[in-house]
């Protein structure tokens, strides 16, 4: 999936792509899910893992997708 994102955005938004790659390396999905499990109180995972929500939100906040809906649809 990331090869497609990189190919599309690395020329238009290189800083955003570099930030996304750095976040992906610094906070792997398995680690994010472990932190969620260790610290949750009443929350629970349903259809989406917490790491998926983090990934979708980072795509939007870094400007790689225009909206959360667009990011989810692309996934």
N, C-alpha and C. Protein backbone atom coordinates (compact mmCIF):
# COMPACT_ATOMS: atom_id res chain seq x y z
N UNK A 1 0.81 -1.18 0.00
CA UNK A 1 0.00 0.00 0.00
C UNK A 1 0.86 1.26 0.00
N UNK A 2 1.93 1.27 0.80
CA UNK A 2 2.73 2.49 0.92
C UNK A 2 3.51 2.80 -0.33
N UNK A 3 3.82 1.80 -1.14
CA UNK A 3 4.52 2.08 -2.40
C UNK A 3 3.65 2.95 -3.29
N UNK A 4 2.36 2.66 -3.31
CA UNK A 4 1.42 3.46 -4.10
C UNK A 4 1.32 4.89 -3.56
N UNK A 5 1.25 5.02 -2.24
CA UNK A 5 1.17 6.35 -1.63
C UNK A 5 2.43 7.13 -1.91
N UNK A 6 3.57 6.50 -1.75
CA UNK A 6 4.84 7.18 -1.99
C UNK A 6 4.96 7.65 -3.43
N UNK A 7 4.60 6.80 -4.36
CA UNK A 7 4.71 7.16 -5.76
C UNK A 7 3.85 8.38 -6.10
N UNK A 8 2.70 8.46 -5.49
CA UNK A 8 1.76 9.54 -5.80
C UNK A 8 2.14 10.86 -5.13
N UNK A 9 2.65 10.79 -3.90
CA UNK A 9 2.83 12.01 -3.12
C UNK A 9 4.26 12.47 -2.92
N UNK A 10 5.25 11.66 -3.25
CA UNK A 10 6.61 12.06 -2.91
C UNK A 10 7.08 13.29 -3.69
N UNK A 11 6.55 13.52 -4.87
CA UNK A 11 6.94 14.71 -5.63
C UNK A 11 6.16 15.94 -5.18
N UNK A 12 4.91 15.77 -4.78
CA UNK A 12 4.08 16.90 -4.41
C UNK A 12 4.23 17.29 -2.94
N UNK A 13 4.44 16.32 -2.07
CA UNK A 13 4.51 16.61 -0.64
C UNK A 13 5.61 15.76 0.02
N UNK A 14 6.87 16.01 -0.32
CA UNK A 14 7.94 15.16 0.21
C UNK A 14 8.06 15.21 1.74
N UNK A 15 7.81 16.36 2.35
CA UNK A 15 7.91 16.45 3.82
C UNK A 15 6.84 15.59 4.48
N UNK A 16 5.64 15.60 3.94
CA UNK A 16 4.55 14.79 4.50
C UNK A 16 4.87 13.31 4.38
N UNK A 17 5.40 12.92 3.25
CA UNK A 17 5.73 11.51 3.05
C UNK A 17 6.85 11.08 4.00
N UNK A 18 7.87 11.93 4.16
CA UNK A 18 8.97 11.61 5.07
C UNK A 18 8.46 11.52 6.51
N UNK A 19 7.56 12.42 6.91
CA UNK A 19 7.01 12.38 8.26
C UNK A 19 6.21 11.10 8.47
N UNK A 20 5.44 10.70 7.48
CA UNK A 20 4.63 9.48 7.59
C UNK A 20 5.52 8.26 7.73
N UNK A 21 6.57 8.19 6.93
CA UNK A 21 7.49 7.05 7.02
C UNK A 21 8.19 7.01 8.37
N UNK A 22 8.56 8.17 8.89
CA UNK A 22 9.21 8.22 10.20
C UNK A 22 8.25 7.74 11.29
N UNK A 23 6.99 8.17 11.22
CA UNK A 23 6.00 7.71 12.20
C UNK A 23 5.76 6.21 12.09
N UNK A 24 5.73 5.71 10.87
CA UNK A 24 5.50 4.28 10.68
C UNK A 24 6.63 3.46 11.29
N UNK A 25 7.86 3.95 11.15
CA UNK A 25 9.01 3.24 11.73
C UNK A 25 9.06 3.39 13.26
N UNK A 26 8.70 4.58 13.74
CA UNK A 26 8.78 4.85 15.17
C UNK A 26 7.68 4.16 15.96
N UNK A 27 6.50 4.03 15.35
CA UNK A 27 5.34 3.45 16.05
C UNK A 27 4.69 2.37 15.19
N UNK A 28 5.24 1.16 15.20
CA UNK A 28 4.64 0.09 14.41
C UNK A 28 3.22 -0.24 14.91
N UNK A 29 2.39 -0.74 14.02
CA UNK A 29 0.98 -1.02 14.34
C UNK A 29 0.84 -1.95 15.54
N UNK A 30 1.66 -2.97 15.61
CA UNK A 30 1.55 -3.91 16.74
C UNK A 30 1.82 -3.21 18.07
N UNK A 31 2.78 -2.30 18.08
CA UNK A 31 3.08 -1.56 19.31
C UNK A 31 1.92 -0.65 19.70
N UNK A 32 1.33 0.03 18.72
CA UNK A 32 0.19 0.92 19.01
C UNK A 32 -0.96 0.11 19.61
N UNK A 33 -1.23 -1.07 19.06
CA UNK A 33 -2.30 -1.92 19.59
C UNK A 33 -1.98 -2.42 21.00
N UNK A 34 -0.72 -2.74 21.26
CA UNK A 34 -0.33 -3.17 22.60
C UNK A 34 -0.52 -2.04 23.62
N UNK A 35 -0.15 -0.82 23.26
CA UNK A 35 -0.33 0.33 24.15
C UNK A 35 -1.82 0.55 24.43
N UNK A 36 -2.64 0.43 23.40
CA UNK A 36 -4.08 0.57 23.57
C UNK A 36 -4.61 -0.48 24.55
N UNK A 37 -4.23 -1.73 24.36
CA UNK A 37 -4.69 -2.80 25.25
C UNK A 37 -4.24 -2.57 26.69
N UNK A 38 -3.03 -2.12 26.87
CA UNK A 38 -2.49 -1.93 28.21
C UNK A 38 -3.13 -0.75 28.94
N UNK A 39 -3.60 0.24 28.21
CA UNK A 39 -4.07 1.48 28.84
C UNK A 39 -5.56 1.75 28.69
N UNK A 40 -6.26 0.91 27.99
CA UNK A 40 -7.69 1.18 27.81
C UNK A 40 -8.43 0.95 29.12
N UNK A 41 -9.55 1.65 29.24
CA UNK A 41 -10.37 1.46 30.42
C UNK A 41 -11.70 0.85 30.00
N UNK A 42 -12.57 1.65 29.42
CA UNK A 42 -13.84 1.11 28.96
C UNK A 42 -13.89 0.92 27.45
N UNK A 43 -12.86 1.37 26.77
CA UNK A 43 -12.83 1.24 25.32
C UNK A 43 -12.53 -0.21 24.92
N UNK A 44 -12.96 -0.56 23.75
CA UNK A 44 -12.67 -1.89 23.25
C UNK A 44 -12.63 -1.83 21.72
N UNK A 45 -11.86 -2.72 21.11
CA UNK A 45 -11.82 -2.73 19.64
C UNK A 45 -13.06 -3.45 19.10
N UNK A 46 -13.64 -2.89 18.08
CA UNK A 46 -14.77 -3.54 17.41
C UNK A 46 -14.31 -4.01 16.05
N UNK A 47 -14.64 -3.24 15.04
CA UNK A 47 -14.28 -3.62 13.68
C UNK A 47 -12.90 -3.10 13.29
N UNK A 48 -12.48 -1.99 13.89
CA UNK A 48 -11.19 -1.40 13.57
C UNK A 48 -10.24 -1.51 14.75
N UNK A 49 -9.01 -1.89 14.47
CA UNK A 49 -8.00 -1.84 15.51
C UNK A 49 -7.60 -0.39 15.73
N UNK A 50 -7.11 -0.08 16.90
CA UNK A 50 -6.69 1.28 17.20
C UNK A 50 -5.58 1.71 16.25
N UNK A 51 -4.70 0.80 15.89
CA UNK A 51 -3.62 1.14 14.97
C UNK A 51 -4.16 1.56 13.61
N UNK A 52 -5.28 1.01 13.20
CA UNK A 52 -5.90 1.40 11.93
C UNK A 52 -6.42 2.83 12.02
N UNK A 53 -7.02 3.17 13.15
CA UNK A 53 -7.51 4.53 13.36
C UNK A 53 -6.34 5.52 13.34
N UNK A 54 -5.25 5.16 14.01
CA UNK A 54 -4.06 6.01 14.03
C UNK A 54 -3.52 6.19 12.61
N UNK A 55 -3.48 5.13 11.84
CA UNK A 55 -2.98 5.21 10.47
C UNK A 55 -3.86 6.11 9.61
N UNK A 56 -5.17 5.94 9.71
CA UNK A 56 -6.09 6.78 8.94
C UNK A 56 -5.96 8.25 9.32
N UNK A 57 -5.91 8.52 10.62
CA UNK A 57 -5.81 9.91 11.07
C UNK A 57 -4.48 10.54 10.65
N UNK A 58 -3.42 9.75 10.64
CA UNK A 58 -2.13 10.32 10.23
C UNK A 58 -2.13 10.64 8.74
N UNK A 59 -2.79 9.85 7.93
CA UNK A 59 -2.89 10.16 6.51
C UNK A 59 -3.58 11.50 6.28
N UNK A 60 -4.63 11.77 7.06
CA UNK A 60 -5.37 13.02 6.93
C UNK A 60 -4.56 14.18 7.51
N UNK A 61 -3.99 13.99 8.68
CA UNK A 61 -3.27 15.10 9.33
C UNK A 61 -2.00 15.49 8.60
N UNK A 62 -1.39 14.57 7.89
CA UNK A 62 -0.20 14.88 7.11
C UNK A 62 -0.56 15.41 5.73
N UNK A 63 -1.84 15.47 5.43
CA UNK A 63 -2.28 16.02 4.15
C UNK A 63 -2.18 15.05 2.98
N UNK A 64 -1.98 13.77 3.27
CA UNK A 64 -1.89 12.78 2.20
C UNK A 64 -3.27 12.36 1.70
N UNK A 65 -4.30 12.59 2.48
CA UNK A 65 -5.69 12.35 2.09
C UNK A 65 -6.51 13.57 2.51
N UNK A 66 -7.53 13.95 1.74
CA UNK A 66 -8.30 15.15 2.06
C UNK A 66 -9.26 14.99 3.23
N UNK A 67 -9.67 13.75 3.52
CA UNK A 67 -10.63 13.54 4.60
C UNK A 67 -10.48 12.13 5.15
N UNK A 68 -11.06 11.90 6.32
CA UNK A 68 -11.03 10.57 6.92
C UNK A 68 -11.79 9.58 6.05
N UNK A 69 -12.89 10.03 5.48
CA UNK A 69 -13.66 9.16 4.59
C UNK A 69 -12.84 8.74 3.37
N UNK A 70 -12.12 9.68 2.79
CA UNK A 70 -11.29 9.38 1.62
C UNK A 70 -10.16 8.41 2.00
N UNK A 71 -9.58 8.59 3.17
CA UNK A 71 -8.50 7.70 3.62
C UNK A 71 -9.03 6.29 3.84
N UNK A 72 -10.19 6.18 4.47
CA UNK A 72 -10.78 4.86 4.73
C UNK A 72 -11.18 4.18 3.42
N UNK A 73 -11.73 4.95 2.50
CA UNK A 73 -12.15 4.39 1.23
C UNK A 73 -10.95 3.89 0.43
N UNK A 74 -9.84 4.60 0.51
CA UNK A 74 -8.63 4.21 -0.23
C UNK A 74 -8.02 2.93 0.36
N UNK A 75 -8.15 2.74 1.67
CA UNK A 75 -7.63 1.54 2.32
C UNK A 75 -8.43 0.35 1.88
